[in-house]
Amino acid sequence: MNLNSSRARIEERELLYNQSSYVSSPIKETSSVIEGSFYQEKPVTVREVLTRRINKSLCFCLVIAIVVTFISYYIAMNYEAKLNSLDNEIVRLNTENQDLQSELDRYKSFNNVDNKIGEFNLLQKADKVIEVTALNAASKEVEDTVRTASNNFDWAIGY
């Protein structure tokens, strides 16, 4: 800025010396004092503006896709955690059911044995009571009734 104002003053002196005016001799435009290759701003083309808009919109879509992916991953992990807890509960209930089933089978077995014993009267009171004295040498014969269980005895499964 100093250089341009000093150049204008020099030209003013020359004009005063020559007795002429600015109108007849305007200030000459000369090349700049500082020379070199500097970055000059290019005019923005329509193609560059269009490319920038497309890039911005694609970046926005990418951010939205990333956010949706994180949210869906979070939801999927929550569902997986719930399924794991339900699976553990199912395994526990199945184990408890097996224990209860084996206990039920044991009780059924006892019930079957009790029913068969009641059916064949294997455990009943004696019909006659024999009194034996120590002095009685004569032995009385007692009728021996042999009862056997049938071959078709149904045992409980597993016992």
Protein backbone atom coordinates (compact mmCIF):
# COMPACT_ATOMS: atom_id res chain seq x y z
CA MET A 1 0.00 0.00 0.00
CA ASN A 2 2.87 2.34 0.74
CA LEU A 3 4.44 1.60 -2.60
CA ASN A 4 1.31 2.55 -4.55
CA SER A 5 0.82 5.80 -2.66
CA SER A 6 4.47 6.78 -3.14
CA ARG A 7 4.22 6.00 -6.85
CA ALA A 8 1.13 8.25 -7.05
CA ARG A 9 3.03 11.09 -5.39
CA ILE A 10 5.90 10.72 -7.82
CA GLU A 11 3.50 10.85 -10.73
CA GLU A 12 1.84 13.92 -9.23
CA ARG A 13 5.19 15.74 -9.11
CA GLU A 14 5.87 14.80 -12.69
CA LEU A 15 2.50 16.13 -13.74
CA LEU A 16 3.04 19.37 -11.86
CA TYR A 17 6.39 19.73 -13.45
CA ASN A 18 4.99 19.11 -16.91
CA GLN A 19 1.98 21.38 -16.24
CA SER A 20 -0.53 18.76 -17.27
CA SER A 21 -3.54 17.31 -15.48
CA TYR A 22 -4.67 13.84 -14.45
CA VAL A 23 -7.31 13.84 -17.12
CA SER A 24 -4.84 14.26 -19.92
CA SER A 25 -2.39 11.81 -18.34
CA PRO A 26 -3.98 9.27 -15.95
CA ILE A 27 -1.86 7.23 -13.54
CA LYS A 28 -0.25 4.40 -15.36
CA GLU A 29 -0.92 0.92 -14.23
CA THR A 30 2.31 -0.91 -14.02
CA SER A 31 3.09 -4.42 -12.95
CA SER A 32 3.17 -5.14 -9.27
CA VAL A 33 6.36 -4.60 -7.36
CA ILE A 34 6.27 -8.09 -5.75
CA GLU A 35 6.53 -10.86 -8.27
CA GLY A 36 6.26 -14.62 -7.84
CA SER A 37 3.92 -17.55 -8.21
CA PHE A 38 1.28 -17.27 -5.52
CA TYR A 39 -1.93 -19.22 -5.03
CA GLN A 40 -4.66 -17.51 -6.93
CA GLU A 41 -8.25 -18.32 -6.20
CA LYS A 42 -9.88 -19.99 -9.15
CA PRO A 43 -13.47 -19.33 -9.94
CA VAL A 44 -15.69 -22.10 -8.61
CA THR A 45 -17.21 -24.18 -11.39
CA VAL A 46 -20.63 -25.80 -11.38
CA ARG A 47 -19.01 -29.22 -11.42
CA GLU A 48 -17.09 -28.51 -8.18
CA VAL A 49 -20.22 -27.19 -6.45
CA LEU A 50 -22.16 -30.27 -7.55
CA THR A 51 -19.37 -32.57 -6.37
CA ARG A 52 -19.29 -30.88 -2.95
CA ARG A 53 -23.06 -31.21 -2.54
CA ILE A 54 -22.99 -34.88 -3.51
CA ASN A 55 -20.12 -35.54 -1.08
CA LYS A 56 -21.96 -33.78 1.77
CA SER A 57 -25.16 -35.70 1.12
CA LEU A 58 -23.27 -39.02 0.92
CA CYS A 59 -21.47 -38.23 4.20
CA PHE A 60 -24.82 -37.48 5.83
CA CYS A 61 -26.25 -40.79 4.55
CA LEU A 62 -23.17 -42.63 5.84
CA VAL A 63 -23.54 -41.10 9.30
CA ILE A 64 -27.22 -42.08 9.37
CA ALA A 65 -26.35 -45.64 8.29
CA ILE A 66 -23.71 -45.91 11.03
CA VAL A 67 -26.16 -44.68 13.69
CA VAL A 68 -28.85 -47.13 12.50
CA THR A 69 -26.28 -49.94 12.57
CA PHE A 70 -25.28 -49.16 16.17
CA ILE A 71 -28.91 -49.01 17.28
CA SER A 72 -29.79 -52.31 15.57
CA TYR A 73 -26.69 -53.96 17.05
CA TYR A 74 -27.74 -52.78 20.53
CA ILE A 75 -31.26 -54.16 20.04
CA ALA A 76 -29.90 -57.49 18.72
CA MET A 77 -27.58 -57.84 21.74
CA ASN A 78 -30.51 -57.16 24.12
CA TYR A 79 -32.60 -59.84 22.41
CA GLU A 80 -29.68 -62.27 22.54
CA ALA A 81 -29.22 -61.64 26.27
CA LYS A 82 -32.95 -62.27 26.84
CA LEU A 83 -32.78 -65.48 24.79
CA ASN A 84 -29.77 -66.68 26.78
CA SER A 85 -31.58 -66.09 30.06
CA LEU A 86 -34.67 -67.93 28.75
CA ASP A 87 -32.46 -70.79 27.56
CA ASN A 88 -30.88 -71.08 31.01
CA GLU A 89 -34.36 -71.08 32.58
CA ILE A 90 -35.52 -73.81 30.17
CA VAL A 91 -32.49 -75.97 30.98
CA ARG A 92 -33.17 -75.54 34.71
CA LEU A 93 -36.85 -76.44 34.31
CA ASN A 94 -35.99 -79.50 32.19
CA THR A 95 -33.57 -80.73 34.85
CA GLU A 96 -36.17 -80.21 37.57
CA ASN A 97 -38.76 -82.00 35.41
CA GLN A 98 -36.44 -85.01 35.00
CA ASP A 99 -35.91 -85.20 38.75
CA LEU A 100 -39.65 -85.02 39.39
CA GLN A 101 -40.32 -87.64 36.70
CA SER A 102 -37.84 -90.09 38.25
CA GLU A 103 -39.42 -89.55 41.69
CA LEU A 104 -42.87 -90.14 40.20
CA ASP A 105 -41.65 -93.36 38.57
CA ARG A 106 -40.29 -94.53 41.92
CA TYR A 107 -43.66 -93.87 43.60
CA LYS A 108 -45.47 -95.69 40.78
CA SER A 109 -43.17 -98.65 41.27
CA PHE A 110 -43.99 -98.81 44.98
CA ASN A 111 -47.68 -98.52 44.12
CA ASN A 112 -47.44 -101.39 41.58
CA VAL A 113 -45.68 -103.64 44.11
CA ASP A 114 -48.27 -102.78 46.75
CA ASN A 115 -51.13 -103.56 44.36
CA LYS A 116 -49.64 -106.95 43.36
CA ILE A 117 -49.05 -107.92 46.98
CA GLY A 118 -52.65 -107.00 47.77
CA GLU A 119 -53.86 -108.94 44.73
CA PHE A 120 -52.19 -112.22 45.70
CA ASN A 121 -52.73 -111.80 49.47
CA LEU A 122 -49.12 -112.57 50.21
CA LEU A 123 -49.23 -110.59 53.40
CA GLN A 124 -52.24 -111.68 55.38
CA LYS A 125 -52.92 -112.82 58.89
CA ALA A 126 -52.92 -116.45 59.72
CA ASP A 127 -56.31 -118.13 59.66
CA LYS A 128 -55.55 -120.49 62.49
CA VAL A 129 -53.42 -120.06 65.52
CA ILE A 130 -51.74 -123.22 66.77
CA GLU A 131 -50.95 -123.46 70.39
CA VAL A 132 -48.18 -125.84 71.26
CA THR A 133 -47.39 -126.89 74.75
CA ALA A 134 -44.05 -128.12 75.77
CA LEU A 135 -45.46 -131.38 77.05
CA ASN A 136 -47.42 -132.12 73.95
CA ALA A 137 -45.30 -134.61 72.06
CA ALA A 138 -47.79 -135.34 69.39
CA SER A 139 -47.44 -133.09 66.44
CA LYS A 140 -50.39 -131.93 64.60
CA GLU A 141 -50.22 -131.60 60.87
CA VAL A 142 -50.96 -128.22 59.53
CA GLU A 143 -52.23 -127.82 56.04
CA ASP A 144 -49.61 -126.08 53.99
CA THR A 145 -51.13 -123.91 51.32
CA VAL A 146 -48.56 -122.74 48.85
CA ARG A 147 -49.48 -119.76 46.82
CA THR A 148 -47.17 -118.41 44.15
CA ALA A 149 -47.29 -115.23 42.18
CA SER A 150 -48.09 -115.49 38.52
CA ASN A 151 -45.40 -115.11 35.91
CA ASN A 152 -47.13 -112.04 34.52
CA PHE A 153 -45.91 -109.77 37.27
CA ASP A 154 -45.83 -106.19 35.93
CA TRP A 155 -42.88 -104.32 37.29
CA ALA A 156 -42.63 -100.57 37.07
CA ILE A 157 -40.46 -99.24 34.29
CA GLY A 158 -36.88 -98.79 35.42
CA TYR A 159 -37.25 -100.71 38.69
